[in-house]
Amino acid sequence: MKIAIILNGISRKKKHFFQRILPVLQEKHSVTVFETLHAGHARELAHQRGQEKFEVIVSAGGDGTLNQVVNGIADSGLTNSSPWLGLIPLGSGNDFAGAIGVTDDATQLIQLLKDNRPKPTDLGIISCRNHQGQLITRYFLNACSVGMGPATVRQMEKMPLWMSPDLRYLYSIIKTFLTHKSHPIEFKTNSWTWEGKVRVLAIANGKSFGNRIYIAPLAKPDDGVLDIFLASEVSLVKFLLYLQQIKSARQVTDSRIQYVHATRMEITSPESGAVEAEGELIGFLPATIEVVPRGISMLRP
């Protein structure tokens, strides 16, 4: 079995990977490590490894690296012969890994390979516009969002790395809340329409995003639907109170916060609005988002 590991070259856990994870894997399997060298490189590497008929492609990094690897695999078309997807969580949040029970313990991946039973896993697909106004499509495995999500991603990019991930995210989300204007949107699903100003609109296949913000605590990665979290205008005090409740994986009861499900949705706005997925800025509204049931085979418990 040909196994490729796509390693985030700037991961702070890279030393841990080479010292504690890779040697254990090499005792049981022949693996080749491909280290990213620049932004977007993980997608290129995953696509190339798929073309070279690697049977398993393992993402070693955070949710952003995982997003790129998924898109690299999808670039060649999602078929029954597509490589299996594996995951070694080395990021700061690792939201999707937490949702499916995957750890950075090499023995877990070895056992999953030994079991030889990858699980069909849903994907989300986004159709939107890039900076040049061209229509693009991108896949996501965990979650995507509009509103405060993309603004928080931009804010976090400015934060010093000496701050802990939790502190960087909390600081970024509070600053974003104070400076980012609620976004007017129209949101349509197969059976539901909502129109108004939104602070956060998240569409999830996993349970959380942004380092354990549980916007979809009941989500399942293989149920054929996407979970939607829509928060309209609430005060900062309420928002911070709700944030603690959401981080505890409890749903909020408030008419300004909606939890719904859909297989397909359209988001439009009279204003320009960014779309992010797994902490990666993807494109701009309008956007169509839908589920690809059992779109990828994944090594997971």
C-alpha atoms as a PDB file:
ATOM      1  CA  MET A   1       0.000   0.000   0.000  1.00  0.00           C
ATOM      2  CA  LYS A   2       1.443   3.382  -1.068  1.00  0.00           C
ATOM      3  CA  ILE A   3       1.023   5.939   1.721  1.00  0.00           C
ATOM      4  CA  ALA A   4       1.798   9.650   1.376  1.00  0.00           C
ATOM      5  CA  ILE A   5       1.844  12.073   4.303  1.00  0.00           C
ATOM      6  CA  ILE A   6       1.325  15.759   3.492  1.00  0.00           C
ATOM      7  CA  LEU A   7       2.992  17.610   6.378  1.00  0.00           C
ATOM      8  CA  ASN A   8       2.345  21.271   7.169  1.00  0.00           C
ATOM      9  CA  GLY A   9       5.878  22.645   6.934  1.00  0.00           C
ATOM     10  CA  ILE A  10       5.287  25.409   9.479  1.00  0.00           C
ATOM     11  CA  SER A  11       3.481  23.296  12.076  1.00  0.00           C
ATOM     12  CA  ARG A  12       4.765  23.930  15.593  1.00  0.00           C
ATOM     13  CA  LYS A  13       4.396  20.184  16.149  1.00  0.00           C
ATOM     14  CA  LYS A  14       6.677  19.204  13.268  1.00  0.00           C
ATOM     15  CA  LYS A  15       9.470  18.103  15.600  1.00  0.00           C
ATOM     16  CA  HIS A  16       6.981  15.935  17.501  1.00  0.00           C
ATOM     17  CA  PHE A  17       5.878  14.386  14.202  1.00  0.00           C
ATOM     18  CA  PHE A  18       9.405  13.423  13.143  1.00  0.00           C
ATOM     19  CA  GLN A  19      10.456  12.200  16.585  1.00  0.00           C
ATOM     20  CA  ARG A  20       7.343  10.459  17.942  1.00  0.00           C
ATOM     21  CA  ILE A  21       4.943   9.728  15.085  1.00  0.00           C
ATOM     22  CA  LEU A  22       6.845   8.986  11.880  1.00  0.00           C
ATOM     23  CA  PRO A  23       9.243   6.373  13.375  1.00  0.00           C
ATOM     24  CA  VAL A  24       6.287   4.378  14.746  1.00  0.00           C
ATOM     25  CA  LEU A  25       4.548   4.442  11.374  1.00  0.00           C
ATOM     26  CA  GLN A  26       7.726   3.413   9.555  1.00  0.00           C
ATOM     27  CA  GLU A  27       7.989   0.291  11.692  1.00  0.00           C
ATOM     28  CA  LYS A  28       4.782  -1.009  10.091  1.00  0.00           C
ATOM     29  CA  HIS A  29       4.459   0.758   6.735  1.00  0.00           C
ATOM     30  CA  SER A  30       6.429   2.317   3.928  1.00  0.00           C
ATOM     31  CA  VAL A  31       5.443   5.985   3.970  1.00  0.00           C
ATOM     32  CA  THR A  32       6.686   9.006   2.059  1.00  0.00           C
ATOM     33  CA  VAL A  33       6.526  12.452   3.653  1.00  0.00           C
ATOM     34  CA  PHE A  34       5.924  15.536   1.521  1.00  0.00           C
ATOM     35  CA  GLU A  35       6.435  18.802   3.395  1.00  0.00           C
ATOM     36  CA  THR A  36       4.632  21.978   2.326  1.00  0.00           C
ATOM     37  CA  LEU A  37       6.796  24.924   1.338  1.00  0.00           C
ATOM     38  CA  HIS A  38       4.278  27.717   0.695  1.00  0.00           C
ATOM     39  CA  ALA A  39       0.609  28.643   1.002  1.00  0.00           C
ATOM     40  CA  GLY A  40      -1.621  26.324  -1.002  1.00  0.00           C
ATOM     41  CA  HIS A  41       1.148  23.759  -1.437  1.00  0.00           C
ATOM     42  CA  ALA A  42      -0.742  20.997   0.405  1.00  0.00           C
ATOM     43  CA  ARG A  43      -3.424  21.035  -2.282  1.00  0.00           C
ATOM     44  CA  GLU A  44      -0.824  20.739  -5.036  1.00  0.00           C
ATOM     45  CA  LEU A  45       0.982  17.920  -3.246  1.00  0.00           C
ATOM     46  CA  ALA A  46      -2.224  15.967  -2.594  1.00  0.00           C
ATOM     47  CA  HIS A  47      -3.267  16.280  -6.243  1.00  0.00           C
ATOM     48  CA  GLN A  48       0.141  15.089  -7.427  1.00  0.00           C
ATOM     49  CA  ARG A  49       0.132  12.128  -5.042  1.00  0.00           C
ATOM     50  CA  GLY A  50      -3.309  11.148  -6.302  1.00  0.00           C
ATOM     51  CA  GLN A  51      -2.028  11.239  -9.869  1.00  0.00           C
ATOM     52  CA  GLU A  52       0.850   8.994  -8.788  1.00  0.00           C
ATOM     53  CA  LYS A  53      -1.656   6.421  -7.503  1.00  0.00           C
ATOM     54  CA  PHE A  54      -0.909   6.702  -3.796  1.00  0.00           C
ATOM     55  CA  GLU A  55      -3.653   4.687  -2.129  1.00  0.00           C
ATOM     56  CA  VAL A  56      -3.693   6.667   1.128  1.00  0.00           C
ATOM     57  CA  ILE A  57      -3.011  10.386   1.533  1.00  0.00           C
ATOM     58  CA  VAL A  58      -2.631  11.519   5.136  1.00  0.00           C
ATOM     59  CA  SER A  59      -3.029  15.160   6.142  1.00  0.00           C
ATOM     60  CA  ALA A  60      -0.569  16.019   8.943  1.00  0.00           C
ATOM     61  CA  GLY A  61      -1.513  19.475  10.158  1.00  0.00           C
ATOM     62  CA  GLY A  62      -4.558  21.431  11.227  1.00  0.00           C
ATOM     63  CA  ASP A  63      -7.976  21.992   9.683  1.00  0.00           C
ATOM     64  CA  GLY A  64      -6.514  24.309   7.029  1.00  0.00           C
ATOM     65  CA  THR A  65      -4.085  21.655   5.822  1.00  0.00           C
ATOM     66  CA  LEU A  66      -6.906  19.111   5.858  1.00  0.00           C
ATOM     67  CA  ASN A  67      -9.025  21.436   3.694  1.00  0.00           C
ATOM     68  CA  GLN A  68      -6.250  21.740   1.132  1.00  0.00           C
ATOM     69  CA  VAL A  69      -5.578  17.991   1.050  1.00  0.00           C
ATOM     70  CA  VAL A  70      -9.281  17.256   0.515  1.00  0.00           C
ATOM     71  CA  ASN A  71      -9.375  19.715  -2.377  1.00  0.00           C
ATOM     72  CA  GLY A  72      -6.200  18.233  -3.835  1.00  0.00           C
ATOM     73  CA  ILE A  73      -7.765  14.768  -3.825  1.00  0.00           C
ATOM     74  CA  ALA A  74     -10.974  16.183  -5.315  1.00  0.00           C
ATOM     75  CA  ASP A  75      -9.079  17.956  -8.108  1.00  0.00           C
ATOM     76  CA  SER A  76      -8.740  14.619  -9.882  1.00  0.00           C
ATOM     77  CA  GLY A  77     -12.420  13.813  -9.387  1.00  0.00           C
ATOM     78  CA  LEU A  78     -14.051  11.956  -6.517  1.00  0.00           C
ATOM     79  CA  THR A  79     -14.448   8.310  -7.544  1.00  0.00           C
ATOM     80  CA  ASN A  80     -14.318   4.887  -5.921  1.00  0.00           C
ATOM     81  CA  SER A  81     -10.652   4.731  -6.897  1.00  0.00           C
ATOM     82  CA  SER A  82      -9.763   8.034  -5.191  1.00  0.00           C
ATOM     83  CA  PRO A  83      -7.132   7.768  -2.442  1.00  0.00           C
ATOM     84  CA  TRP A  84      -8.297   7.159   1.098  1.00  0.00           C
ATOM     85  CA  LEU A  85      -7.951  10.165   3.362  1.00  0.00           C
ATOM     86  CA  GLY A  86      -6.059   9.884   6.629  1.00  0.00           C
ATOM     87  CA  LEU A  87      -5.487  12.476   9.344  1.00  0.00           C
ATOM     88  CA  ILE A  88      -2.782  13.227  11.889  1.00  0.00           C
ATOM     89  CA  PRO A  89      -3.967  16.324  13.801  1.00  0.00           C
ATOM     90  CA  LEU A  90      -1.038  18.692  14.335  1.00  0.00           C
ATOM     91  CA  GLY A  91      -2.841  22.041  14.326  1.00  0.00           C
ATOM     92  CA  SER A  92      -3.946  24.334  17.124  1.00  0.00           C
ATOM     93  CA  GLY A  93      -7.679  23.639  16.845  1.00  0.00           C
ATOM     94  CA  ASN A  94      -8.077  20.273  15.077  1.00  0.00           C
ATOM     95  CA  ASP A  95     -11.846  20.640  15.112  1.00  0.00           C
ATOM     96  CA  PHE A  96     -12.679  17.885  12.639  1.00  0.00           C
ATOM     97  CA  ALA A  97     -10.265  15.464  14.289  1.00  0.00           C
ATOM     98  CA  GLY A  98     -12.032  16.114  17.591  1.00  0.00           C
ATOM     99  CA  ALA A  99     -15.425  15.515  15.986  1.00  0.00           C
ATOM    100  CA  ILE A 100     -14.464  12.077  14.650  1.00  0.00           C
ATOM    101  CA  GLY A 101     -12.201  10.927  17.492  1.00  0.00           C
ATOM    102  CA  VAL A 102      -8.877  10.989  15.628  1.00  0.00           C
ATOM    103  CA  THR A 103      -5.721  11.704  17.668  1.00  0.00           C
ATOM    104  CA  ASP A 104      -2.024  12.161  16.891  1.00  0.00           C
ATOM    105  CA  ASP A 105      -1.286   8.706  18.313  1.00  0.00           C
ATOM    106  CA  ALA A 106       0.471   6.809  15.506  1.00  0.00           C
ATOM    107  CA  THR A 107      -0.838   3.481  16.800  1.00  0.00           C
ATOM    108  CA  GLN A 108      -4.402   4.609  16.055  1.00  0.00           C
ATOM    109  CA  LEU A 109      -3.558   5.255  12.390  1.00  0.00           C
ATOM    110  CA  ILE A 110      -1.719   1.917  12.204  1.00  0.00           C
ATOM    111  CA  GLN A 111      -4.805   0.137  13.529  1.00  0.00           C
ATOM    112  CA  LEU A 112      -7.074   1.952  11.069  1.00  0.00           C
ATOM    113  CA  LEU A 113      -4.801   0.884   8.220  1.00  0.00           C
ATOM    114  CA  LYS A 114      -4.783  -2.669   9.524  1.00  0.00           C
ATOM    115  CA  ASP A 115      -8.592  -2.710   9.732  1.00  0.00           C
ATOM    116  CA  ASN A 116      -8.664  -1.762   6.044  1.00  0.00           C
ATOM    117  CA  ARG A 117     -12.193  -0.344   6.362  1.00  0.00           C
ATOM    118  CA  PRO A 118     -12.283   3.366   5.460  1.00  0.00           C
ATOM    119  CA  LYS A 119     -15.605   5.026   6.207  1.00  0.00           C
ATOM    120  CA  PRO A 120     -17.571   6.965   3.582  1.00  0.00           C
ATOM    121  CA  THR A 121     -17.657  10.580   4.764  1.00  0.00           C
ATOM    122  CA  ASP A 122     -19.741  13.514   3.578  1.00  0.00           C
ATOM    123  CA  LEU A 123     -18.217  16.603   1.995  1.00  0.00           C
ATOM    124  CA  GLY A 124     -19.520  20.111   1.497  1.00  0.00           C
ATOM    125  CA  ILE A 125     -19.014  21.883  -1.815  1.00  0.00           C
ATOM    126  CA  ILE A 126     -19.015  25.678  -2.205  1.00  0.00           C
ATOM    127  CA  SER A 127     -19.657  27.490  -5.480  1.00  0.00           C
ATOM    128  CA  CYS A 128     -18.806  31.202  -5.274  1.00  0.00           C
ATOM    129  CA  ARG A 129     -16.731  33.931  -6.936  1.00  0.00           C
ATOM    130  CA  ASN A 130     -13.031  34.690  -6.531  1.00  0.00           C
ATOM    131  CA  HIS A 131     -11.382  38.141  -6.460  1.00  0.00           C
ATOM    132  CA  GLN A 132     -11.577  38.300 -10.254  1.00  0.00           C
ATOM    133  CA  GLY A 133     -15.280  37.460 -10.276  1.00  0.00           C
ATOM    134  CA  GLN A 134     -14.715  33.998 -11.718  1.00  0.00           C
ATOM    135  CA  LEU A 135     -16.892  31.101 -10.570  1.00  0.00           C
ATOM    136  CA  ILE A 136     -14.931  28.633  -8.434  1.00  0.00           C
ATOM    137  CA  THR A 137     -15.767  25.486  -6.490  1.00  0.00           C
ATOM    138  CA  ARG A 138     -14.126  24.347  -3.281  1.00  0.00           C
ATOM    139  CA  TYR A 139     -14.782  21.398  -1.001  1.00  0.00           C
ATOM    140  CA  PHE A 140     -14.797  21.397   2.782  1.00  0.00           C
ATOM    141  CA  LEU A 141     -14.843  18.585   5.303  1.00  0.00           C
ATOM    142  CA  ASN A 142     -15.562  20.408   8.559  1.00  0.00           C
ATOM    143  CA  ALA A 143     -17.260  23.796   8.180  1.00  0.00           C
ATOM    144  CA  CYS A 144     -17.530  27.022   6.226  1.00  0.00           C
ATOM    145  CA  SER A 145     -18.978  30.402   7.188  1.00  0.00           C
ATOM    146  CA  VAL A 146     -19.821  33.995   6.268  1.00  0.00           C
ATOM    147  CA  GLY A 147     -20.073  37.061   8.466  1.00  0.00           C
ATOM    148  CA  MET A 148     -17.784  37.169  11.478  1.00  0.00           C
ATOM    149  CA  GLY A 149     -16.027  33.930  10.483  1.00  0.00           C
ATOM    150  CA  PRO A 150     -13.977  35.330   7.569  1.00  0.00           C
ATOM    151  CA  ALA A 151     -13.401  38.598   9.462  1.00  0.00           C
ATOM    152  CA  THR A 152     -12.077  36.652  12.459  1.00  0.00           C
ATOM    153  CA  VAL A 153      -9.759  34.656  10.175  1.00  0.00           C
ATOM    154  CA  ARG A 154      -8.287  37.917   8.871  1.00  0.00           C
ATOM    155  CA  GLN A 155      -7.908  39.254  12.414  1.00  0.00           C
ATOM    156  CA  MET A 156      -6.184  36.081  13.638  1.00  0.00           C
ATOM    157  CA  GLU A 157      -3.625  36.377  10.851  1.00  0.00           C
ATOM    158  CA  LYS A 158      -2.483  39.614  12.509  1.00  0.00           C
ATOM    159  CA  MET A 159      -2.093  38.107  15.974  1.00  0.00           C
ATOM    160  CA  PRO A 160       1.391  37.361  17.391  1.00  0.00           C
ATOM    161  CA  LEU A 161       2.233  33.657  17.461  1.00  0.00           C
ATOM    162  CA  TRP A 162       3.417  33.806  21.082  1.00  0.00           C
ATOM    163  CA  MET A 163      -0.232  34.037  22.142  1.00  0.00           C
ATOM    164  CA  SER A 164      -1.984  30.725  22.794  1.00  0.00           C
ATOM    165  CA  PRO A 165      -4.532  29.619  20.150  1.00  0.00           C
ATOM    166  CA  ASP A 166      -7.417  30.124  22.607  1.00  0.00           C
ATOM    167  CA  LEU A 167      -6.257  33.628  23.520  1.00  0.00           C
ATOM    168  CA  ARG A 168      -5.660  34.596  19.884  1.00  0.00           C
ATOM    169  CA  TYR A 169      -9.126  33.398  18.932  1.00  0.00           C
ATOM    170  CA  LEU A 170     -10.891  35.053  21.885  1.00  0.00           C
ATOM    171  CA  TYR A 171      -9.102  38.368  21.254  1.00  0.00           C
ATOM    172  CA  SER A 172      -9.822  38.169  17.523  1.00  0.00           C
ATOM    173  CA  ILE A 173     -13.491  37.327  17.917  1.00  0.00           C
ATOM    174  CA  ILE A 174     -14.091  40.137  20.453  1.00  0.00           C
ATOM    175  CA  LYS A 175     -12.285  42.682  18.276  1.00  0.00           C
ATOM    176  CA  THR A 176     -14.183  41.445  15.238  1.00  0.00           C
ATOM    177  CA  PHE A 177     -17.472  41.708  17.123  1.00  0.00           C
ATOM    178  CA  LEU A 178     -16.725  45.343  18.007  1.00  0.00           C
ATOM    179  CA  THR A 179     -15.597  46.366  14.516  1.00  0.00           C
ATOM    180  CA  HIS A 180     -17.441  44.108  12.064  1.00  0.00           C
ATOM    181  CA  LYS A 181     -20.895  45.213  10.915  1.00  0.00           C
ATOM    182  CA  SER A 182     -23.684  42.657  10.736  1.00  0.00           C
ATOM    183  CA  HIS A 183     -24.061  41.459   7.183  1.00  0.00           C
ATOM    184  CA  PRO A 184     -27.385  41.627   5.294  1.00  0.00           C
ATOM    185  CA  ILE A 185     -28.101  38.321   3.569  1.00  0.00           C
ATOM    186  CA  GLU A 186     -30.843  36.216   2.101  1.00  0.00           C
ATOM    187  CA  PHE A 187     -30.460  32.546   2.948  1.00  0.00           C
ATOM    188  CA  LYS A 188     -32.480  29.837   1.213  1.00  0.00           C
ATOM    189  CA  THR A 189     -32.552  26.082   1.748  1.00  0.00           C
ATOM    190  CA  ASN A 190     -34.807  23.441   0.213  1.00  0.00           C
ATOM    191  CA  SER A 191     -37.529  24.277   2.744  1.00  0.00           C
ATOM    192  CA  TRP A 192     -36.554  27.433   4.645  1.00  0.00           C
ATOM    193  CA  THR A 193     -35.834  31.087   3.836  1.00  0.00           C
ATOM    194  CA  TRP A 194     -34.310  33.696   6.140  1.00  0.00           C
ATOM    195  CA  GLU A 195     -33.533  37.333   5.398  1.00  0.00           C
ATOM    196  CA  GLY A 196     -31.864  39.885   7.644  1.00  0.00           C
ATOM    197  CA  LYS A 197     -28.568  40.957   9.167  1.00  0.00           C
ATOM    198  CA  VAL A 198     -26.359  38.113  10.333  1.00  0.00           C
ATOM    199  CA  ARG A 199     -23.364  38.057  12.649  1.00  0.00           C
ATOM    200  CA  VAL A 200     -22.413  34.433  12.014  1.00  0.00           C
ATOM    201  CA  LEU A 201     -23.699  31.954   9.471  1.00  0.00           C
ATOM    202  CA  ALA A 202     -21.876  28.632   9.679  1.00  0.00           C
ATOM    203  CA  ILE A 203     -22.518  25.505   7.631  1.00  0.00           C
ATOM    204  CA  ALA A 204     -21.027  22.409   9.226  1.00  0.00           C
ATOM    205  CA  ASN A 205     -20.307  18.775   8.533  1.00  0.00           C
ATOM    206  CA  GLY A 206     -18.315  18.516  11.765  1.00  0.00           C
ATOM    207  CA  LYS A 207     -19.375  19.634  15.226  1.00  0.00           C
ATOM    208  CA  SER A 208     -17.233  22.725  15.822  1.00  0.00           C
ATOM    209  CA  PHE A 209     -14.990  25.330  14.247  1.00  0.00           C
ATOM    210  CA  GLY A 210     -12.594  28.039  15.467  1.00  0.00           C
ATOM    211  CA  ASN A 211     -11.023  25.774  18.102  1.00  0.00           C
ATOM    212  CA  ARG A 212     -14.020  24.055  19.716  1.00  0.00           C
ATOM    213  CA  ILE A 213     -16.817  26.511  19.007  1.00  0.00           C
ATOM    214  CA  TYR A 214     -19.611  23.933  18.826  1.00  0.00           C
ATOM    215  CA  ILE A 215     -21.917  25.446  16.232  1.00  0.00           C
ATOM    216  CA  ALA A 216     -23.286  21.977  15.393  1.00  0.00           C
ATOM    217  CA  PRO A 217     -22.944  19.718  18.456  1.00  0.00           C
ATOM    218  CA  LEU A 218     -25.329  17.115  16.994  1.00  0.00           C
ATOM    219  CA  ALA A 219     -23.715  16.927  13.544  1.00  0.00           C
ATOM    220  CA  LYS A 220     -22.647  13.606  12.061  1.00  0.00           C
ATOM    221  CA  PRO A 221     -20.066  13.403   9.260  1.00  0.00           C
ATOM    222  CA  ASP A 222     -21.956  10.755   7.311  1.00  0.00           C
ATOM    223  CA  ASP A 223     -25.672  11.575   7.639  1.00  0.00           C
ATOM    224  CA  GLY A 224     -26.025  13.205   4.212  1.00  0.00           C
ATOM    225  CA  VAL A 225     -27.006  16.663   5.514  1.00  0.00           C
ATOM    226  CA  LEU A 226     -25.227  19.848   6.574  1.00  0.00           C
ATOM    227  CA  ASP A 227     -25.931  21.510   9.939  1.00  0.00           C
ATOM    228  CA  ILE A 228     -26.550  25.250   9.884  1.00  0.00           C
ATOM    229  CA  PHE A 229     -25.926  27.751  12.685  1.00  0.00           C
ATOM    230  CA  LEU A 230     -27.343  31.235  12.080  1.00  0.00           C
ATOM    231  CA  ALA A 231     -26.863  34.024  14.619  1.00  0.00           C
ATOM    232  CA  SER A 232     -28.388  37.429  13.905  1.00  0.00           C
ATOM    233  CA  GLU A 233     -27.805  40.580  15.928  1.00  0.00           C
ATOM    234  CA  VAL A 234     -27.144  40.074  19.639  1.00  0.00           C
ATOM    235  CA  SER A 235     -25.332  42.315  22.117  1.00  0.00           C
ATOM    236  CA  LEU A 236     -21.680  41.753  23.017  1.00  0.00           C
ATOM    237  CA  VAL A 237     -22.604  40.673  26.566  1.00  0.00           C
ATOM    238  CA  LYS A 238     -25.136  38.154  25.278  1.00  0.00           C
ATOM    239  CA  PHE A 239     -22.713  36.979  22.626  1.00  0.00           C
ATOM    240  CA  LEU A 240     -19.959  36.283  25.156  1.00  0.00           C
ATOM    241  CA  LEU A 241     -22.405  34.465  27.436  1.00  0.00           C
ATOM    242  CA  TYR A 242     -23.643  32.374  24.532  1.00  0.00           C
ATOM    243  CA  LEU A 243     -20.074  31.742  23.388  1.00  0.00           C
ATOM    244  CA  GLN A 244     -19.291  30.001  26.673  1.00  0.00           C
ATOM    245  CA  GLN A 245     -22.461  27.925  26.346  1.00  0.00           C
ATOM    246  CA  ILE A 246     -21.598  27.018  22.744  1.00  0.00           C
ATOM    247  CA  LYS A 247     -18.049  26.041  23.727  1.00  0.00           C
ATOM    248  CA  SER A 248     -19.644  23.604  26.178  1.00  0.00           C
ATOM    249  CA  ALA A 249     -21.400  21.947  23.204  1.00  0.00           C
ATOM    250  CA  ARG A 250     -24.838  23.138  24.308  1.00  0.00           C
ATOM    251  CA  GLN A 251     -27.373  24.636  21.922  1.00  0.00           C
ATOM    252  CA  VAL A 252     -28.569  28.171  22.641  1.00  0.00           C
ATOM    253  CA  THR A 253     -32.280  28.913  23.038  1.00  0.00           C
ATOM    254  CA  ASP A 254     -32.830  32.353  21.542  1.00  0.00           C
ATOM    255  CA  SER A 255     -35.037  33.458  18.647  1.00  0.00           C
ATOM    256  CA  ARG A 256     -32.027  35.263  17.159  1.00  0.00           C
ATOM    257  CA  ILE A 257     -30.089  31.986  16.877  1.00  0.00           C
ATOM    258  CA  GLN A 258     -31.276  29.260  14.524  1.00  0.00           C
ATOM    259  CA  TYR A 259     -30.241  25.612  14.134  1.00  0.00           C
ATOM    260  CA  VAL A 260     -31.447  23.978  10.905  1.00  0.00           C
ATOM    261  CA  HIS A 261     -30.409  21.260   8.441  1.00  0.00           C
ATOM    262  CA  ALA A 262     -30.235  21.205   4.656  1.00  0.00           C
ATOM    263  CA  THR A 263     -28.662  19.418   1.721  1.00  0.00           C
ATOM    264  CA  ARG A 264     -28.428  22.543  -0.431  1.00  0.00           C
ATOM    265  CA  MET A 265     -28.525  26.279   0.266  1.00  0.00           C
ATOM    266  CA  GLU A 266     -28.057  29.622  -1.470  1.00  0.00           C
ATOM    267  CA  ILE A 267     -26.619  32.750   0.148  1.00  0.00           C
ATOM    268  CA  THR A 268     -26.977  36.150  -1.492  1.00  0.00           C
ATOM    269  CA  SER A 269     -26.319  39.677  -0.278  1.00  0.00           C
ATOM    270  CA  PRO A 270     -26.592  43.239  -1.582  1.00  0.00           C
ATOM    271  CA  GLU A 271     -23.063  43.740  -0.227  1.00  0.00           C
ATOM    272  CA  SER A 272     -19.810  41.964  -0.878  1.00  0.00           C
ATOM    273  CA  GLY A 273     -19.158  39.266   1.715  1.00  0.00           C
ATOM    274  CA  ALA A 274     -16.323  36.800   2.112  1.00  0.00           C
ATOM    275  CA  VAL A 275     -16.645  33.025   2.519  1.00  0.00           C
ATOM    276  CA  GLU A 276     -14.179  30.965   4.566  1.00  0.00           C
ATOM    277  CA  ALA A 277     -13.755  27.237   5.016  1.00  0.00           C
ATOM    278  CA  GLU A 278     -11.604  25.595   7.692  1.00  0.00           C
ATOM    279  CA  GLY A 279      -9.893  28.950   8.350  1.00  0.00           C
ATOM    280  CA  GLU A 280      -9.039  29.453   4.666  1.00  0.00           C
ATOM    281  CA  LEU A 281     -10.518  32.432   2.800  1.00  0.00           C
ATOM    282  CA  ILE A 282     -12.292  30.901  -0.213  1.00  0.00           C
ATOM    283  CA  GLY A 283     -14.177  33.580  -2.150  1.00  0.00           C
ATOM    284  CA  PHE A 284     -17.160  35.913  -2.098  1.00  0.00           C
ATOM    285  CA  LEU A 285     -20.952  35.917  -2.160  1.00  0.00           C
ATOM    286  CA  PRO A 286     -23.234  34.953  -3.781  1.00  0.00           C
ATOM    287  CA  ALA A 287     -22.602  31.308  -2.934  1.00  0.00           C
ATOM    288  CA  THR A 288     -24.277  27.966  -3.313  1.00  0.00           C
ATOM    289  CA  ILE A 289     -23.377  25.265  -0.793  1.00  0.00           C
ATOM    290  CA  GLU A 290     -24.468  21.651  -0.892  1.00  0.00           C
ATOM    291  CA  VAL A 291     -23.561  18.287   0.561  1.00  0.00           C
ATOM    292  CA  VAL A 292     -21.799  15.522  -1.342  1.00  0.00           C
ATOM    293  CA  PRO A 293     -23.026  12.430   0.537  1.00  0.00           C
ATOM    294  CA  ARG A 294     -20.290   9.857   1.207  1.00  0.00           C
ATOM    295  CA  GLY A 295     -18.006  11.890  -1.032  1.00  0.00           C
ATOM    296  CA  ILE A 296     -14.679  10.676   0.316  1.00  0.00           C
ATOM    297  CA  SER A 297     -13.381   7.528   2.037  1.00  0.00           C
ATOM    298  CA  MET A 298     -11.675   8.334   5.326  1.00  0.00           C
ATOM    299  CA  LEU A 299      -9.674   6.389   7.869  1.00  0.00           C
ATOM    300  CA  ARG A 300     -11.512   7.154  11.110  1.00  0.00           C
ATOM    301  CA  PRO A 301     -12.820   5.272  14.133  1.00  0.00           C
END
